[in-house]
């Protein structure tokens, strides 16, 4: 899987992290990933399959496009 992605004019680093090292905000249930615009980072929860992480990356990129 890639480690960087460009959304518009900004390049975002993609980091696979463990939920325990939490940058992931979990309100209820599972958190698959987050995008942080101020840090230019997308965090993906490493506890899930590659297929789920790919779907989560698409989801977070869509957040990046919409903002």
PDB file of N, CA and C in Angstrom:
ATOM      1  N   UNK A   1       0.845  -1.175   0.000  1.00  0.00           N
ATOM      2  CA  UNK A   1       0.000   0.000   0.000  1.00  0.00           C
ATOM      3  C   UNK A   1       0.892   1.241   0.000  1.00  0.00           C
ATOM      4  N   UNK A   2       0.410   2.302  -0.588  1.00  0.00           N
ATOM      5  CA  UNK A   2       1.186   3.544  -0.699  1.00  0.00           C
ATOM      6  C   UNK A   2       1.398   4.201   0.661  1.00  0.00           C
ATOM      7  N   UNK A   3       2.409   5.081   0.725  1.00  0.00           N
ATOM      8  CA  UNK A   3       2.681   5.762   1.987  1.00  0.00           C
ATOM      9  C   UNK A   3       2.475   7.272   1.906  1.00  0.00           C
ATOM     10  N   UNK A   4       2.101   7.766   0.721  1.00  0.00           N
ATOM     11  CA  UNK A   4       1.783   9.179   0.514  1.00  0.00           C
ATOM     12  C   UNK A   4       0.686   9.271  -0.540  1.00  0.00           C
ATOM     13  N   UNK A   5      -0.103  10.357  -0.434  1.00  0.00           N
ATOM     14  CA  UNK A   5      -1.114  10.615  -1.451  1.00  0.00           C
ATOM     15  C   UNK A   5      -1.303  12.118  -1.556  1.00  0.00           C
ATOM     16  N   UNK A   6      -1.523  12.605  -2.761  1.00  0.00           N
ATOM     17  CA  UNK A   6      -1.737  14.020  -2.977  1.00  0.00           C
ATOM     18  C   UNK A   6      -3.226  14.268  -3.156  1.00  0.00           C
ATOM     19  N   UNK A   7      -3.752  15.201  -2.363  1.00  0.00           N
ATOM     20  CA  UNK A   7      -5.152  15.604  -2.467  1.00  0.00           C
ATOM     21  C   UNK A   7      -5.132  17.100  -2.746  1.00  0.00           C
ATOM     22  N   UNK A   8      -5.548  17.480  -3.943  1.00  0.00           N
ATOM     23  CA  UNK A   8      -5.441  18.886  -4.341  1.00  0.00           C
ATOM     24  C   UNK A   8      -3.985  19.277  -4.400  1.00  0.00           C
ATOM     25  N   UNK A   9      -3.625  20.333  -3.703  1.00  0.00           N
ATOM     26  CA  UNK A   9      -2.239  20.805  -3.690  1.00  0.00           C
ATOM     27  C   UNK A   9      -1.429  20.259  -2.516  1.00  0.00           C
ATOM     28  N   UNK A  10      -2.075  19.511  -1.608  1.00  0.00           N
ATOM     29  CA  UNK A  10      -1.398  19.032  -0.404  1.00  0.00           C
ATOM     30  C   UNK A  10      -1.036  17.555  -0.515  1.00  0.00           C
ATOM     31  N   UNK A  11       0.137  17.220  -0.010  1.00  0.00           N
ATOM     32  CA  UNK A  11       0.549  15.823   0.061  1.00  0.00           C
ATOM     33  C   UNK A  11       0.365  15.341   1.495  1.00  0.00           C
ATOM     34  N   UNK A  12      -0.272  14.191   1.631  1.00  0.00           N
ATOM     35  CA  UNK A  12      -0.551  13.601   2.941  1.00  0.00           C
ATOM     36  C   UNK A  12       0.280  12.334   3.122  1.00  0.00           C
ATOM     37  N   UNK A  13       0.919  12.210   4.280  1.00  0.00           N
ATOM     38  CA  UNK A  13       1.584  10.961   4.650  1.00  0.00           C
ATOM     39  C   UNK A  13       0.515   9.996   5.141  1.00  0.00           C
ATOM     40  N   UNK A  14       0.670   8.729   4.805  1.00  0.00           N
ATOM     41  CA  UNK A  14      -0.253   7.686   5.259  1.00  0.00           C
ATOM     42  C   UNK A  14       0.479   6.845   6.288  1.00  0.00           C
ATOM     43  N   UNK A  15      -0.063   6.790   7.498  1.00  0.00           N
ATOM     44  CA  UNK A  15       0.564   6.020   8.574  1.00  0.00           C
ATOM     45  C   UNK A  15      -0.380   4.932   9.059  1.00  0.00           C
ATOM     46  N   UNK A  16       0.165   3.744   9.216  1.00  0.00           N
ATOM     47  CA  UNK A  16      -0.578   2.609   9.769  1.00  0.00           C
ATOM     48  C   UNK A  16      -0.215   2.547  11.245  1.00  0.00           C
ATOM     49  N   UNK A  17      -1.215   2.711  12.099  1.00  0.00           N
ATOM     50  CA  UNK A  17      -0.929   2.763  13.530  1.00  0.00           C
ATOM     51  C   UNK A  17      -1.811   1.792  14.306  1.00  0.00           C
ATOM     52  N   UNK A  18      -1.323   1.434  15.462  1.00  0.00           N
ATOM     53  CA  UNK A  18      -2.094   0.604  16.383  1.00  0.00           C
ATOM     54  C   UNK A  18      -3.020   1.509  17.187  1.00  0.00           C
ATOM     55  N   UNK A  19      -4.211   1.042  17.455  1.00  0.00           N
ATOM     56  CA  UNK A  19      -5.188   1.848  18.184  1.00  0.00           C
ATOM     57  C   UNK A  19      -4.643   2.262  19.557  1.00  0.00           C
ATOM     58  N   UNK A  20      -3.818   1.420  20.163  1.00  0.00           N
ATOM     59  CA  UNK A  20      -3.271   1.732  21.481  1.00  0.00           C
ATOM     60  C   UNK A  20      -2.321   2.927  21.436  1.00  0.00           C
ATOM     61  N   UNK A  21      -1.699   3.183  20.287  1.00  0.00           N
ATOM     62  CA  UNK A  21      -0.791   4.319  20.155  1.00  0.00           C
ATOM     63  C   UNK A  21      -1.583   5.552  19.769  1.00  0.00           C
ATOM     64  N   UNK A  22      -2.772   5.544  20.106  1.00  0.00           N
ATOM     65  CA  UNK A  22      -3.924   6.281  19.634  1.00  0.00           C
ATOM     66  C   UNK A  22      -3.750   7.734  19.311  1.00  0.00           C
ATOM     67  N   UNK A  23      -3.797   7.902  18.068  1.00  0.00           N
ATOM     68  CA  UNK A  23      -4.133   9.202  17.519  1.00  0.00           C
ATOM     69  C   UNK A  23      -5.575   9.096  17.037  1.00  0.00           C
ATOM     70  N   UNK A  24      -6.077   7.867  16.982  1.00  0.00           N
ATOM     71  CA  UNK A  24      -7.433   7.637  16.487  1.00  0.00           C
ATOM     72  C   UNK A  24      -8.438   7.936  17.594  1.00  0.00           C
ATOM     73  N   UNK A  25      -9.372   8.804  17.283  1.00  0.00           N
ATOM     74  CA  UNK A  25     -10.423   9.165  18.242  1.00  0.00           C
ATOM     75  C   UNK A  25     -11.567   8.180  18.104  1.00  0.00           C
ATOM     76  N   UNK A  26     -11.773   7.397  19.132  1.00  0.00           N
ATOM     77  CA  UNK A  26     -12.850   6.409  19.111  1.00  0.00           C
ATOM     78  C   UNK A  26     -13.934   6.872  20.072  1.00  0.00           C
ATOM     79  N   UNK A  27     -15.077   7.258  19.521  1.00  0.00           N
ATOM     80  CA  UNK A  27     -16.195   7.684  20.348  1.00  0.00           C
ATOM     81  C   UNK A  27     -17.015   6.467  20.731  1.00  0.00           C
ATOM     82  N   UNK A  28     -17.362   5.685  19.746  1.00  0.00           N
ATOM     83  CA  UNK A  28     -18.071   4.424  20.012  1.00  0.00           C
ATOM     84  C   UNK A  28     -17.753   3.464  18.878  1.00  0.00           C
ATOM     85  N   UNK A  29     -17.544   2.221  19.219  1.00  0.00           N
ATOM     86  CA  UNK A  29     -17.242   1.231  18.197  1.00  0.00           C
ATOM     87  C   UNK A  29     -15.813   1.333  17.704  1.00  0.00           C
ATOM     88  N   UNK A  30     -15.587   0.842  16.485  1.00  0.00           N
ATOM     89  CA  UNK A  30     -14.250   0.821  15.903  1.00  0.00           C
ATOM     90  C   UNK A  30     -13.978   2.076  15.088  1.00  0.00           C
ATOM     91  N   UNK A  31     -12.744   2.527  15.130  1.00  0.00           N
ATOM     92  CA  UNK A  31     -12.294   3.633  14.297  1.00  0.00           C
ATOM     93  C   UNK A  31     -11.310   3.058  13.286  1.00  0.00           C
ATOM     94  N   UNK A  32     -11.639   3.184  12.018  1.00  0.00           N
ATOM     95  CA  UNK A  32     -10.809   2.612  10.964  1.00  0.00           C
ATOM     96  C   UNK A  32      -9.687   3.551  10.534  1.00  0.00           C
ATOM     97  N   UNK A  33      -9.907   4.856  10.661  1.00  0.00           N
ATOM     98  CA  UNK A  33      -8.888   5.806  10.257  1.00  0.00           C
ATOM     99  C   UNK A  33      -9.345   7.233  10.454  1.00  0.00           C
ATOM    100  N   UNK A  34      -8.396   8.159  10.247  1.00  0.00           N
ATOM    101  CA  UNK A  34      -8.675   9.590  10.374  1.00  0.00           C
ATOM    102  C   UNK A  34      -7.774  10.365   9.430  1.00  0.00           C
ATOM    103  N   UNK A  35      -8.258  11.537   9.039  1.00  0.00           N
ATOM    104  CA  UNK A  35      -7.424  12.469   8.293  1.00  0.00           C
ATOM    105  C   UNK A  35      -7.193  13.691   9.174  1.00  0.00           C
ATOM    106  N   UNK A  36      -5.947  14.144   9.240  1.00  0.00           N
ATOM    107  CA  UNK A  36      -5.583  15.329  10.023  1.00  0.00           C
ATOM    108  C   UNK A  36      -5.033  16.365   9.050  1.00  0.00           C
ATOM    109  N   UNK A  37      -5.833  17.384   8.792  1.00  0.00           N
ATOM    110  CA  UNK A  37      -5.457  18.402   7.818  1.00  0.00           C
ATOM    111  C   UNK A  37      -4.292  19.258   8.305  1.00  0.00           C
ATOM    112  N   UNK A  38      -4.222  19.517   9.603  1.00  0.00           N
ATOM    113  CA  UNK A  38      -3.157  20.360  10.139  1.00  0.00           C
ATOM    114  C   UNK A  38      -1.791  19.684  10.089  1.00  0.00           C
ATOM    115  N   UNK A  39      -1.762  18.362  10.122  1.00  0.00           N
ATOM    116  CA  UNK A  39      -0.503  17.605  10.091  1.00  0.00           C
ATOM    117  C   UNK A  39      -0.222  16.989   8.725  1.00  0.00           C
ATOM    118  N   UNK A  40      -1.180  17.117   7.797  1.00  0.00           N
ATOM    119  CA  UNK A  40      -1.073  16.481   6.470  1.00  0.00           C
ATOM    120  C   UNK A  40      -0.824  14.983   6.602  1.00  0.00           C
ATOM    121  N   UNK A  41      -1.651  14.335   7.440  1.00  0.00           N
ATOM    122  CA  UNK A  41      -1.499  12.901   7.670  1.00  0.00           C
ATOM    123  C   UNK A  41      -2.850  12.206   7.605  1.00  0.00           C
ATOM    124  N   UNK A  42      -2.795  10.987   7.113  1.00  0.00           N
ATOM    125  CA  UNK A  42      -3.932  10.076   7.177  1.00  0.00           C
ATOM    126  C   UNK A  42      -3.475   8.891   8.004  1.00  0.00           C
ATOM    127  N   UNK A  43      -4.234   8.597   9.061  1.00  0.00           N
ATOM    128  CA  UNK A  43      -3.924   7.474   9.929  1.00  0.00           C
ATOM    129  C   UNK A  43      -4.889   6.336   9.638  1.00  0.00           C
ATOM    130  N   UNK A  44      -4.344   5.141   9.460  1.00  0.00           N
ATOM    131  CA  UNK A  44      -5.156   3.946   9.242  1.00  0.00           C
ATOM    132  C   UNK A  44      -4.922   2.980  10.396  1.00  0.00           C
ATOM    133  N   UNK A  45      -6.007   2.450  10.928  1.00  0.00           N
ATOM    134  CA  UNK A  45      -5.933   1.498  12.035  1.00  0.00           C
ATOM    135  C   UNK A  45      -5.354   0.183  11.513  1.00  0.00           C
ATOM    136  N   UNK A  46      -4.217  -0.205  12.048  1.00  0.00           N
ATOM    137  CA  UNK A  46      -3.491  -1.384  11.586  1.00  0.00           C
ATOM    138  C   UNK A  46      -4.132  -2.700  12.020  1.00  0.00           C
ATOM    139  N   UNK A  47      -5.170  -2.639  12.846  1.00  0.00           N
ATOM    140  CA  UNK A  47      -5.806  -3.855  13.348  1.00  0.00           C
ATOM    141  C   UNK A  47      -6.714  -4.524  12.320  1.00  0.00           C
ATOM    142  N   UNK A  48      -6.948  -3.856  11.194  1.00  0.00           N
ATOM    143  CA  UNK A  48      -7.877  -4.383  10.205  1.00  0.00           C
ATOM    144  C   UNK A  48      -7.143  -4.903   8.973  1.00  0.00           C
ATOM    145  N   UNK A  49      -7.864  -5.614   8.129  1.00  0.00           N
ATOM    146  CA  UNK A  49      -7.278  -6.227   6.935  1.00  0.00           C
ATOM    147  C   UNK A  49      -6.833  -5.161   5.934  1.00  0.00           C
ATOM    148  N   UNK A  50      -5.987  -5.572   5.001  1.00  0.00           N
ATOM    149  CA  UNK A  50      -5.545  -4.660   3.937  1.00  0.00           C
ATOM    150  C   UNK A  50      -6.735  -4.158   3.138  1.00  0.00           C
ATOM    151  N   UNK A  51      -7.699  -5.022   2.896  1.00  0.00           N
ATOM    152  CA  UNK A  51      -8.899  -4.621   2.149  1.00  0.00           C
ATOM    153  C   UNK A  51      -9.650  -3.513   2.897  1.00  0.00           C
ATOM    154  N   UNK A  52      -9.796  -3.660   4.207  1.00  0.00           N
ATOM    155  CA  UNK A  52     -10.482  -2.632   5.003  1.00  0.00           C
ATOM    156  C   UNK A  52      -9.672  -1.345   5.024  1.00  0.00           C
ATOM    157  N   UNK A  53      -8.355  -1.443   5.120  1.00  0.00           N
ATOM    158  CA  UNK A  53      -7.515  -0.244   5.122  1.00  0.00           C
ATOM    159  C   UNK A  53      -7.606   0.490   3.789  1.00  0.00           C
ATOM    160  N   UNK A  54      -7.700  -0.242   2.675  1.00  0.00           N
ATOM    161  CA  UNK A  54      -7.851   0.394   1.371  1.00  0.00           C
ATOM    162  C   UNK A  54      -9.181   1.139   1.279  1.00  0.00           C
ATOM    163  N   UNK A  55     -10.248   0.513   1.774  1.00  0.00           N
ATOM    164  CA  UNK A  55     -11.562   1.164   1.781  1.00  0.00           C
ATOM    165  C   UNK A  55     -11.538   2.396   2.681  1.00  0.00           C
ATOM    166  N   UNK A  56     -10.848   2.297   3.806  1.00  0.00           N
ATOM    167  CA  UNK A  56     -10.748   3.420   4.734  1.00  0.00           C
ATOM    168  C   UNK A  56      -9.952   4.558   4.113  1.00  0.00           C
ATOM    169  N   UNK A  57      -8.888   4.227   3.389  1.00  0.00           N
ATOM    170  CA  UNK A  57      -8.101   5.257   2.716  1.00  0.00           C
ATOM    171  C   UNK A  57      -8.973   6.027   1.728  1.00  0.00           C
ATOM    172  N   UNK A  58      -9.769   5.320   0.943  1.00  0.00           N
ATOM    173  CA  UNK A  58     -10.680   5.981  -0.002  1.00  0.00           C
ATOM    174  C   UNK A  58     -11.634   6.900   0.762  1.00  0.00           C
ATOM    175  N   UNK A  59     -12.168   6.408   1.863  1.00  0.00           N
ATOM    176  CA  UNK A  59     -13.080   7.197   2.683  1.00  0.00           C
ATOM    177  C   UNK A  59     -12.419   8.485   3.179  1.00  0.00           C
ATOM    178  N   UNK A  60     -11.202   8.376   3.681  1.00  0.00           N
ATOM    179  CA  UNK A  60     -10.501   9.544   4.208  1.00  0.00           C
ATOM    180  C   UNK A  60     -10.115  10.506   3.096  1.00  0.00           C
ATOM    181  N   UNK A  61      -9.750   9.996   1.935  1.00  0.00           N
ATOM    182  CA  UNK A  61      -9.440  10.860   0.782  1.00  0.00           C
ATOM    183  C   UNK A  61     -10.685  11.645   0.383  1.00  0.00           C
ATOM    184  N   UNK A  62     -11.838  11.006   0.420  1.00  0.00           N
ATOM    185  CA  UNK A  62     -13.080  11.717   0.106  1.00  0.00           C
ATOM    186  C   UNK A  62     -13.333  12.852   1.100  1.00  0.00           C
ATOM    187  N   UNK A  63     -13.001  12.648   2.371  1.00  0.00           N
ATOM    188  CA  UNK A  63     -13.086  13.746   3.335  1.00  0.00           C
ATOM    189  C   UNK A  63     -12.141  14.882   2.901  1.00  0.00           C
ATOM    190  N   UNK A  64     -10.953  14.516   2.462  1.00  0.00           N
ATOM    191  CA  UNK A  64      -9.970  15.515   2.024  1.00  0.00           C
ATOM    192  C   UNK A  64     -10.437  16.290   0.821  1.00  0.00           C
ATOM    193  N   UNK A  65     -11.130  15.649  -0.090  1.00  0.00           N
ATOM    194  CA  UNK A  65     -11.638  16.314  -1.287  1.00  0.00           C
ATOM    195  C   UNK A  65     -12.775  17.270  -0.938  1.00  0.00           C
ATOM    196  N   UNK A  66     -13.616  16.864  -0.002  1.00  0.00           N
ATOM    197  CA  UNK A  66     -14.808  17.648   0.346  1.00  0.00           C
ATOM    198  C   UNK A  66     -14.493  18.911   1.129  1.00  0.00           C
ATOM    199  N   UNK A  67     -13.355  18.973   1.773  1.00  0.00           N
ATOM    200  CA  UNK A  67     -13.034  20.141   2.611  1.00  0.00           C
ATOM    201  C   UNK A  67     -12.404  21.237   1.802  1.00  0.00           C
TER     202      UNK A  67
END
